Each structure stands twice: as C-alpha cells, then as structure tokens.
PDB file of N, CA and C in Angstrom:
ATOM      1  N   LEU A   1     243.254  -4.426 -35.438  1.00  0.00           N
ATOM      2  CA  LEU A   1     243.701  -3.203 -34.804  1.00  0.00           C
ATOM      3  C   LEU A   1     245.214  -3.270 -34.658  1.00  0.00           C
ATOM      4  N   LYS A   2     245.903  -2.234 -35.156  1.00  0.00           N
ATOM      5  CA  LYS A   2     247.369  -2.224 -35.104  1.00  0.00           C
ATOM      6  C   LYS A   2     247.925  -1.238 -34.100  1.00  0.00           C
ATOM      7  N   ALA A   3     247.166  -0.191 -33.765  1.00  0.00           N
ATOM      8  CA  ALA A   3     247.645   0.815 -32.820  1.00  0.00           C
ATOM      9  C   ALA A   3     246.489   1.687 -32.360  1.00  0.00           C
ATOM     10  N   ILE A   4     246.707   2.341 -31.230  1.00  0.00           N
ATOM     11  CA  ILE A   4     245.785   3.347 -30.712  1.00  0.00           C
ATOM     12  C   ILE A   4     246.587   4.629 -30.594  1.00  0.00           C
ATOM     13  N   GLY A   5     246.013   5.733 -31.064  1.00  0.00           N
ATOM     14  CA  GLY A   5     246.746   6.992 -31.038  1.00  0.00           C
ATOM     15  C   GLY A   5     245.967   8.103 -30.375  1.00  0.00           C
ATOM     16  N   SER A   6     246.711   9.038 -29.792  1.00  0.00           N
ATOM     17  CA  SER A   6     246.102  10.205 -29.167  1.00  0.00           C
ATOM     18  C   SER A   6     247.152  11.307 -29.063  1.00  0.00           C
ATOM     19  N   VAL A   7     246.803  12.359 -28.341  1.00  0.00           N
ATOM     20  CA  VAL A   7     247.702  13.485 -28.126  1.00  0.00           C
ATOM     21  C   VAL A   7     248.595  13.188 -26.916  1.00  0.00           C
ATOM     22  N   THR A   8     249.803  13.724 -26.911  1.00  0.00           N
ATOM     23  CA  THR A   8     250.774  13.476 -25.854  1.00  0.00           C
ATOM     24  C   THR A   8     250.201  13.725 -24.459  1.00  0.00           C
ATOM     25  N   LEU A   9     249.341  14.711 -24.338  1.00  0.00           N
ATOM     26  CA  LEU A   9     248.721  15.026 -23.050  1.00  0.00           C
ATOM     27  C   LEU A   9     247.999  13.818 -22.448  1.00  0.00           C
ATOM     28  N   LYS A  10     247.562  12.880 -23.289  1.00  0.00           N
ATOM     29  CA  LYS A  10     246.814  11.700 -22.836  1.00  0.00           C
ATOM     30  C   LYS A  10     247.702  10.470 -22.618  1.00  0.00           C
ATOM     31  N   LYS A  11     249.023  10.630 -22.675  1.00  0.00           N
ATOM     32  CA  LYS A  11     249.914   9.467 -22.605  1.00  0.00           C
ATOM     33  C   LYS A  11     249.765   8.654 -21.324  1.00  0.00           C
ATOM     34  N   GLY A  12     249.292   9.267 -20.253  1.00  0.00           N
ATOM     35  CA  GLY A  12     249.088   8.548 -19.006  1.00  0.00           C
ATOM     36  C   GLY A  12     247.643   8.181 -18.733  1.00  0.00           C
ATOM     37  N   GLU A  13     246.781   8.322 -19.715  1.00  0.00           N
ATOM     38  CA  GLU A  13     245.342   8.057 -19.565  1.00  0.00           C
ATOM     39  C   GLU A  13     245.102   6.563 -19.330  1.00  0.00           C
ATOM     40  N   PRO A  14     244.647   6.177 -18.128  1.00  0.00           N
ATOM     41  CA  PRO A  14     244.491   4.755 -17.809  1.00  0.00           C
ATOM     42  C   PRO A  14     243.602   3.988 -18.787  1.00  0.00           C
ATOM     43  N   GLY A  15     242.492   4.574 -19.217  1.00  0.00           N
ATOM     44  CA  GLY A  15     241.590   3.871 -20.128  1.00  0.00           C
ATOM     45  C   GLY A  15     242.237   3.546 -21.463  1.00  0.00           C
ATOM     46  N   LEU A  16     243.012   4.480 -22.003  1.00  0.00           N
ATOM     47  CA  LEU A  16     243.685   4.245 -23.287  1.00  0.00           C
ATOM     48  C   LEU A  16     244.820   3.236 -23.133  1.00  0.00           C
ATOM     49  N   ILE A  17     245.539   3.324 -22.032  1.00  0.00           N
ATOM     50  CA  ILE A  17     246.622   2.367 -21.765  1.00  0.00           C
ATOM     51  C   ILE A  17     246.050   0.961 -21.612  1.00  0.00           C
ATOM     52  N   GLN A  18     244.948   0.843 -20.871  1.00  0.00           N
ATOM     53  CA  GLN A  18     244.322  -0.457 -20.669  1.00  0.00           C
ATOM     54  C   GLN A  18     243.760  -1.014 -21.977  1.00  0.00           C
ATOM     55  N   LEU A  19     243.133  -0.169 -22.780  1.00  0.00           N
ATOM     56  CA  LEU A  19     242.601  -0.612 -24.071  1.00  0.00           C
ATOM     57  C   LEU A  19     243.718  -1.144 -24.959  1.00  0.00           C
ATOM     58  N   ALA A  20     244.810  -0.410 -25.044  1.00  0.00           N
ATOM     59  CA  ALA A  20     245.943  -0.853 -25.861  1.00  0.00           C
ATOM     60  C   ALA A  20     246.498  -2.177 -25.343  1.00  0.00           C
ATOM     61  N   SER A  21     246.596  -2.303 -24.035  1.00  0.00           N
ATOM     62  CA  SER A  21     247.102  -3.536 -23.439  1.00  0.00           C
ATOM     63  C   SER A  21     246.178  -4.713 -23.737  1.00  0.00           C
ATOM     64  N   CYS A  22     244.883  -4.520 -23.555  1.00  0.00           N
ATOM     65  CA  CYS A  22     243.910  -5.587 -23.823  1.00  0.00           C
ATOM     66  C   CYS A  22     243.904  -6.002 -25.294  1.00  0.00           C
ATOM     67  N   CYS A  23     244.103  -5.025 -26.181  1.00  0.00           N
ATOM     68  CA  CYS A  23     244.118  -5.304 -27.624  1.00  0.00           C
ATOM     69  C   CYS A  23     245.502  -5.723 -28.119  1.00  0.00           C
ATOM     70  N   ARG A  24     246.487  -5.666 -27.218  1.00  0.00           N
ATOM     71  CA  ARG A  24     247.874  -6.032 -27.546  1.00  0.00           C
ATOM     72  C   ARG A  24     248.427  -5.231 -28.722  1.00  0.00           C
ATOM     73  N   VAL A  25     248.191  -3.924 -28.647  1.00  0.00           N
ATOM     74  CA  VAL A  25     248.697  -3.002 -29.669  1.00  0.00           C
ATOM     75  C   VAL A  25     249.402  -1.844 -28.971  1.00  0.00           C
ATOM     76  N   PRO A  26     250.299  -1.170 -29.671  1.00  0.00           N
ATOM     77  CA  PRO A  26     250.958  -0.014 -29.061  1.00  0.00           C
ATOM     78  C   PRO A  26     250.007   1.168 -28.912  1.00  0.00           C
ATOM     79  N   PHE A  27     250.256   1.961 -27.892  1.00  0.00           N
ATOM     80  CA  PHE A  27     249.544   3.219 -27.684  1.00  0.00           C
ATOM     81  C   PHE A  27     250.529   4.315 -28.050  1.00  0.00           C
ATOM     82  N   LYS A  28     250.281   4.961 -29.184  1.00  0.00           N
ATOM     83  CA  LYS A  28     251.189   5.985 -29.694  1.00  0.00           C
ATOM     84  C   LYS A  28     250.585   7.363 -29.486  1.00  0.00           C
ATOM     85  N   THR A  29     251.420   8.288 -29.052  1.00  0.00           N
ATOM     86  CA  THR A  29     250.936   9.651 -28.862  1.00  0.00           C
ATOM     87  C   THR A  29     251.694  10.609 -29.767  1.00  0.00           C
ATOM     88  N   PHE A  30     251.028  11.707 -30.084  1.00  0.00           N
ATOM     89  CA  PHE A  30     251.583  12.731 -30.963  1.00  0.00           C
ATOM     90  C   PHE A  30     251.472  14.083 -30.277  1.00  0.00           C
ATOM     91  N   THR A  31     252.419  14.947 -30.541  1.00  0.00           N
ATOM     92  CA  THR A  31     252.349  16.297 -29.994  1.00  0.00           C
ATOM     93  C   THR A  31     251.199  17.050 -30.658  1.00  0.00           C
ATOM     94  N   ALA A  32     250.722  18.072 -29.977  1.00  0.00           N
ATOM     95  CA  ALA A  32     249.678  18.917 -30.558  1.00  0.00           C
ATOM     96  C   ALA A  32     250.179  19.529 -31.861  1.00  0.00           C
ATOM     97  N   GLU A  33     251.463  19.870 -31.915  1.00  0.00           N
ATOM     98  CA  GLU A  33     252.033  20.449 -33.143  1.00  0.00           C
ATOM     99  C   GLU A  33     251.944  19.472 -34.303  1.00  0.00           C
ATOM    100  N   ALA A  34     252.257  18.202 -34.057  1.00  0.00           N
ATOM    101  CA  ALA A  34     252.186  17.193 -35.122  1.00  0.00           C
ATOM    102  C   ALA A  34     250.746  17.010 -35.597  1.00  0.00           C
ATOM    103  N   LEU A  35     249.800  16.993 -34.663  1.00  0.00           N
ATOM    104  CA  LEU A  35     248.389  16.825 -35.022  1.00  0.00           C
ATOM    105  C   LEU A  35     247.861  18.040 -35.769  1.00  0.00           C
ATOM    106  N   ARG A  36     248.362  19.210 -35.420  1.00  0.00           N
ATOM    107  CA  ARG A  36     247.902  20.460 -36.035  1.00  0.00           C
ATOM    108  C   ARG A  36     248.121  20.464 -37.549  1.00  0.00           C
ATOM    109  N   GLU A  37     249.135  19.765 -38.023  1.00  0.00           N
ATOM    110  CA  GLU A  37     249.419  19.714 -39.468  1.00  0.00           C
ATOM    111  C   GLU A  37     248.257  19.126 -40.266  1.00  0.00           C
ATOM    112  N   PHE A  38     247.450  18.288 -39.639  1.00  0.00           N
ATOM    113  CA  PHE A  38     246.387  17.579 -40.353  1.00  0.00           C
ATOM    114  C   PHE A  38     244.991  17.931 -39.859  1.00  0.00           C
ATOM    115  N   GLU A  39     244.886  18.814 -38.868  1.00  0.00           N
ATOM    116  CA  GLU A  39     243.574  19.118 -38.296  1.00  0.00           C
ATOM    117  C   GLU A  39     242.632  19.789 -39.289  1.00  0.00           C
ATOM    118  N   HIS A  40     243.172  20.425 -40.332  1.00  0.00           N
ATOM    119  CA  HIS A  40     242.300  21.095 -41.305  1.00  0.00           C
ATOM    120  C   HIS A  40     241.413  20.112 -42.070  1.00  0.00           C
ATOM    121  N   HIS A  41     241.725  18.826 -42.007  1.00  0.00           N
ATOM    122  CA  HIS A  41     240.912  17.798 -42.674  1.00  0.00           C
ATOM    123  C   HIS A  41     239.682  17.408 -41.849  1.00  0.00           C
ATOM    124  N   PHE A  42     239.607  17.875 -40.600  1.00  0.00           N
ATOM    125  CA  PHE A  42     238.591  17.387 -39.668  1.00  0.00           C
ATOM    126  C   PHE A  42     237.881  18.528 -38.961  1.00  0.00           C
ATOM    127  N   PRO A  43     236.602  18.314 -38.587  1.00  0.00           N
ATOM    128  CA  PRO A  43     235.924  19.337 -37.790  1.00  0.00           C
ATOM    129  C   PRO A  43     236.603  19.450 -36.426  1.00  0.00           C
ATOM    130  N   GLY A  44     236.748  20.660 -35.956  1.00  0.00           N
ATOM    131  CA  GLY A  44     237.421  20.873 -34.683  1.00  0.00           C
ATOM    132  C   GLY A  44     236.470  21.321 -33.594  1.00  0.00           C
ATOM    133  N   SER A  45     236.971  21.308 -32.397  1.00  0.00           N
ATOM    134  CA  SER A  45     236.207  21.723 -31.226  1.00  0.00           C
ATOM    135  C   SER A  45     236.993  22.791 -30.478  1.00  0.00           C
ATOM    136  N   GLY A  46     236.320  23.876 -30.144  1.00  0.00           N
ATOM    137  CA  GLY A  46     236.961  24.922 -29.356  1.00  0.00           C
ATOM    138  C   GLY A  46     237.385  24.418 -27.989  1.00  0.00           C
ATOM    139  N   PHE A  47     236.554  23.556 -27.387  1.00  0.00           N
ATOM    140  CA  PHE A  47     236.890  22.980 -26.085  1.00  0.00           C
ATOM    141  C   PHE A  47     238.160  22.139 -26.177  1.00  0.00           C
ATOM    142  N   VAL A  48     238.244  21.289 -27.209  1.00  0.00           N
ATOM    143  CA  VAL A  48     239.432  20.444 -27.381  1.00  0.00           C
ATOM    144  C   VAL A  48     240.655  21.323 -27.630  1.00  0.00           C
ATOM    145  N   ARG A  49     240.512  22.347 -28.464  1.00  0.00           N
ATOM    146  CA  ARG A  49     241.632  23.253 -28.747  1.00  0.00           C
ATOM    147  C   ARG A  49     242.133  23.910 -27.458  1.00  0.00           C
ATOM    148  N   LYS A  50     241.202  24.366 -26.637  1.00  0.00           N
ATOM    149  CA  LYS A  50     241.569  25.027 -25.378  1.00  0.00           C
ATOM    150  C   LYS A  50     242.240  24.039 -24.414  1.00  0.00           C
ATOM    151  N   THR A  51     241.773  22.800 -24.426  1.00  0.00           N
ATOM    152  CA  THR A  51     242.269  21.787 -23.495  1.00  0.00           C
ATOM    153  C   THR A  51     243.614  21.199 -23.901  1.00  0.00           C
ATOM    154  N   VAL A  52     243.773  20.860 -25.191  1.00  0.00           N
ATOM    155  CA  VAL A  52     244.992  20.150 -25.616  1.00  0.00           C
ATOM    156  C   VAL A  52     245.842  20.904 -26.629  1.00  0.00           C
ATOM    157  N   GLY A  53     245.350  22.039 -27.128  1.00  0.00           N
ATOM    158  CA  GLY A  53     246.159  22.840 -28.045  1.00  0.00           C
ATOM    159  C   GLY A  53     245.961  22.546 -29.515  1.00  0.00           C
ATOM    160  N   VAL A  54     244.993  21.701 -29.828  1.00  0.00           N
ATOM    161  CA  VAL A  54     244.659  21.387 -31.217  1.00  0.00           C
ATOM    162  C   VAL A  54     243.156  21.105 -31.257  1.00  0.00           C
ATOM    163  N   GLY A  55     242.482  21.500 -32.334  1.00  0.00           N
ATOM    164  CA  GLY A  55     241.031  21.394 -32.400  1.00  0.00           C
ATOM    165  C   GLY A  55     240.485  20.002 -32.600  1.00  0.00           C
ATOM    166  N   SER A  56     241.315  19.094 -33.092  1.00  0.00           N
ATOM    167  CA  SER A  56     240.884  17.721 -33.354  1.00  0.00           C
ATOM    168  C   SER A  56     242.051  16.793 -33.058  1.00  0.00           C
ATOM    169  N   VAL A  57     241.789  15.703 -32.357  1.00  0.00           N
ATOM    170  CA  VAL A  57     242.844  14.748 -32.003  1.00  0.00           C
ATOM    171  C   VAL A  57     242.655  13.425 -32.736  1.00  0.00           C
ATOM    172  N   SER A  58     241.474  12.861 -32.657  1.00  0.00           N
ATOM    173  CA  SER A  58     241.214  11.534 -33.203  1.00  0.00           C
ATOM    174  C   SER A  58     241.545  11.433 -34.694  1.00  0.00           C
ATOM    175  N   GLY A  59     241.013  12.354 -35.478  1.00  0.00           N
ATOM    176  CA  GLY A  59     241.243  12.323 -36.927  1.00  0.00           C
ATOM    177  C   GLY A  59     242.703  12.478 -37.303  1.00  0.00           C
ATOM    178  N   PRO A  60     243.374  13.531 -36.821  1.00  0.00           N
ATOM    179  CA  PRO A  60     244.784  13.684 -37.155  1.00  0.00           C
ATOM    180  C   PRO A  60     245.660  12.527 -36.661  1.00  0.00           C
ATOM    181  N   ALA A  61     245.353  11.966 -35.486  1.00  0.00           N
ATOM    182  CA  ALA A  61     246.139  10.831 -34.987  1.00  0.00           C
ATOM    183  C   ALA A  61     245.959   9.625 -35.910  1.00  0.00           C
ATOM    184  N   ALA A  62     244.716   9.352 -36.315  1.00  0.00           N
ATOM    185  CA  ALA A  62     244.466   8.243 -37.243  1.00  0.00           C
ATOM    186  C   ALA A  62     245.136   8.509 -38.584  1.00  0.00           C
ATOM    187  N   TRP A  63     245.123   9.758 -39.019  1.00  0.00           N
ATOM    188  CA  TRP A  63     245.773  10.146 -40.277  1.00  0.00           C
ATOM    189  C   TRP A  63     247.269   9.829 -40.211  1.00  0.00           C
ATOM    190  N   LEU A  64     247.903  10.212 -39.108  1.00  0.00           N
ATOM    191  CA  LEU A  64     249.338   9.965 -38.955  1.00  0.00           C
ATOM    192  C   LEU A  64     249.649   8.471 -38.869  1.00  0.00           C
ATOM    193  N   LEU A  65     248.829   7.718 -38.153  1.00  0.00           N
ATOM    194  CA  LEU A  65     249.072   6.280 -38.006  1.00  0.00           C
ATOM    195  C   LEU A  65     248.827   5.508 -39.295  1.00  0.00           C
ATOM    196  N   SER A  66     247.950   6.019 -40.162  1.00  0.00           N
ATOM    197  CA  SER A  66     247.589   5.293 -41.389  1.00  0.00           C
ATOM    198  C   SER A  66     248.099   5.967 -42.657  1.00  0.00           C
ATOM    199  N   GLN A  67     248.888   7.005 -42.504  1.00  0.00           N
ATOM    200  CA  GLN A  67     249.367   7.795 -43.643  1.00  0.00           C
ATOM    201  C   GLN A  67     248.215   8.275 -44.521  1.00  0.00           C
ATOM    202  N   GLY A  68     247.152   8.717 -43.851  1.00  0.00           N
ATOM    203  CA  GLY A  68     246.027   9.322 -44.558  1.00  0.00           C
ATOM    204  C   GLY A  68     244.995   8.370 -45.110  1.00  0.00           C
ATOM    205  N   GLN A  69     245.114   7.091 -44.821  1.00  0.00           N
ATOM    206  CA  GLN A  69     244.158   6.113 -45.350  1.00  0.00           C
ATOM    207  C   GLN A  69     243.080   5.826 -44.304  1.00  0.00           C
ATOM    208  N   LEU A  70     242.125   6.735 -44.213  1.00  0.00           N
ATOM    209  CA  LEU A  70     241.072   6.616 -43.211  1.00  0.00           C
ATOM    210  C   LEU A  70     239.940   5.734 -43.707  1.00  0.00           C
ATOM    211  N   LEU A  71     239.219   5.154 -42.758  1.00  0.00           N
ATOM    212  CA  LEU A  71     238.158   4.204 -43.066  1.00  0.00           C
ATOM    213  C   LEU A  71     236.853   4.688 -42.449  1.00  0.00           C
ATOM    214  N   GLY A  72     235.893   5.062 -43.271  1.00  0.00           N
ATOM    215  CA  GLY A  72     234.586   5.465 -42.778  1.00  0.00           C
ATOM    216  C   GLY A  72     234.575   6.809 -42.080  1.00  0.00           C
ATOM    217  N   GLU A  73     233.516   7.041 -41.338  1.00  0.00           N
ATOM    218  CA  GLU A  73     233.304   8.300 -40.631  1.00  0.00           C
ATOM    219  C   GLU A  73     233.817   8.205 -39.198  1.00  0.00           C
ATOM    220  N   THR A  74     234.143   9.344 -38.638  1.00  0.00           N
ATOM    221  CA  THR A  74     234.536   9.411 -37.235  1.00  0.00           C
ATOM    222  C   THR A  74     233.322   9.120 -36.358  1.00  0.00           C
ATOM    223  N   LEU A  75     233.520   8.305 -35.340  1.00  0.00           N
ATOM    224  CA  LEU A  75     232.460   7.934 -34.406  1.00  0.00           C
ATOM    225  C   LEU A  75     232.588   8.787 -33.147  1.00  0.00           C
ATOM    226  N   ARG A  76     231.476   9.352 -32.683  1.00  0.00           N
ATOM    227  CA  ARG A  76     231.463  10.166 -31.458  1.00  0.00           C
ATOM    228  C   ARG A  76     230.362   9.646 -30.551  1.00  0.00           C
ATOM    229  N   GLU A  77     230.742   9.229 -29.355  1.00  0.00           N
ATOM    230  CA  GLU A  77     229.766   8.675 -28.414  1.00  0.00           C
ATOM    231  C   GLU A  77     230.245   8.876 -26.984  1.00  0.00           C
ATOM    232  N   GLN A  78     229.420   9.475 -26.152  1.00  0.00           N
ATOM    233  CA  GLN A  78     229.673   9.646 -24.723  1.00  0.00           C
ATOM    234  C   GLN A  78     231.053  10.245 -24.430  1.00  0.00           C
ATOM    235  N   GLY A  79     231.414  11.265 -25.177  1.00  0.00           N
ATOM    236  CA  GLY A  79     232.676  11.951 -24.942  1.00  0.00           C
ATOM    237  C   GLY A  79     233.902  11.272 -25.515  1.00  0.00           C
ATOM    238  N   VAL A  80     233.696  10.184 -26.243  1.00  0.00           N
ATOM    239  CA  VAL A  80     234.806   9.452 -26.861  1.00  0.00           C
ATOM    240  C   VAL A  80     234.701   9.623 -28.370  1.00  0.00           C
ATOM    241  N   THR A  81     235.827   9.908 -29.005  1.00  0.00           N
ATOM    242  CA  THR A  81     235.862  10.072 -30.460  1.00  0.00           C
ATOM    243  C   THR A  81     236.828   9.049 -31.037  1.00  0.00           C
ATOM    244  N   ILE A  82     236.377   8.315 -32.058  1.00  0.00           N
ATOM    245  CA  ILE A  82     237.191   7.266 -32.674  1.00  0.00           C
ATOM    246  C   ILE A  82     237.210   7.473 -34.179  1.00  0.00           C
ATOM    247  N   THR A  83     238.407   7.499 -34.737  1.00  0.00           N
ATOM    248  CA  THR A  83     238.595   7.549 -36.185  1.00  0.00           C
ATOM    249  C   THR A  83     239.460   6.357 -36.563  1.00  0.00           C
ATOM    250  N   LEU A  84     239.028   5.602 -37.548  1.00  0.00           N
ATOM    251  CA  LEU A  84     239.761   4.415 -37.976  1.00  0.00           C
ATOM    252  C   LEU A  84     240.556   4.700 -39.241  1.00  0.00           C
ATOM    253  N   GLY A  85     241.721   4.099 -39.320  1.00  0.00           N
ATOM    254  CA  GLY A  85     242.549   4.194 -40.510  1.00  0.00           C
ATOM    255  C   GLY A  85     243.100   2.820 -40.845  1.00  0.00           C
ATOM    256  N   VAL A  86     243.532   2.644 -42.064  1.00  0.00           N
ATOM    257  CA  VAL A  86     244.091   1.375 -42.523  1.00  0.00           C
ATOM    258  C   VAL A  86     245.609   1.505 -42.572  1.00  0.00           C
ATOM    259  N   ALA A  87     246.287   0.628 -41.859  1.00  0.00           N
ATOM    260  CA  ALA A  87     247.755   0.614 -41.862  1.00  0.00           C
ATOM    261  C   ALA A  87     248.224  -0.668 -42.538  1.00  0.00           C
ATOM    262  N   HIS A  88     249.257  -0.544 -43.334  1.00  0.00           N
ATOM    263  CA  HIS A  88     249.785  -1.724 -44.042  1.00  0.00           C
ATOM    264  C   HIS A  88     251.105  -2.145 -43.462  1.00  0.00           C
TER     265      HIS A  88
END
C-alpha cells in the first residue's frame, strides 16, 4: 500500500487518518472537481453526488493515485468503498 485517497471533504475523517497512519502511507485528498474528470469511468451514486459534489470518489481517487492502473473490481461493504490501483 502506497497511499490512501479520498475527496477533500474527508480530509479530517478520523478513520482514514488513522488507517493511513497505521499503514504508514500518506492520506491524499482530491477536490471534487479533480475527481469529476474521471468519474465517467465508474458507477456513480446520487447520494454521494449530493453529499460531496461528485458521483464517485473511490474509483477516481484510485485512478489519480495510480495514473489509471486499477487492480480488480471496486469493493463495497458496510458503507465503505475501496478501489485499488498500482503505483510505480
């Protein structure tokens, strides 16, 4: 694991900060505008769009962190969405 990414609105999210700290990786955030450039590659949610201003966060954040080199399918469980990418 090289980084954890999310939308700027989540920059103070204790769970994400703690996860990044425990994994000893940076927690990088992106503006909704930056994520919007890549959201067309991923299924979106009206709730997420209304809440953070972009329909999908996990996929576009992983896309930006890995320059589009995603690994496998997006995982969704108990309100948490995880998309993995390969960074070199």
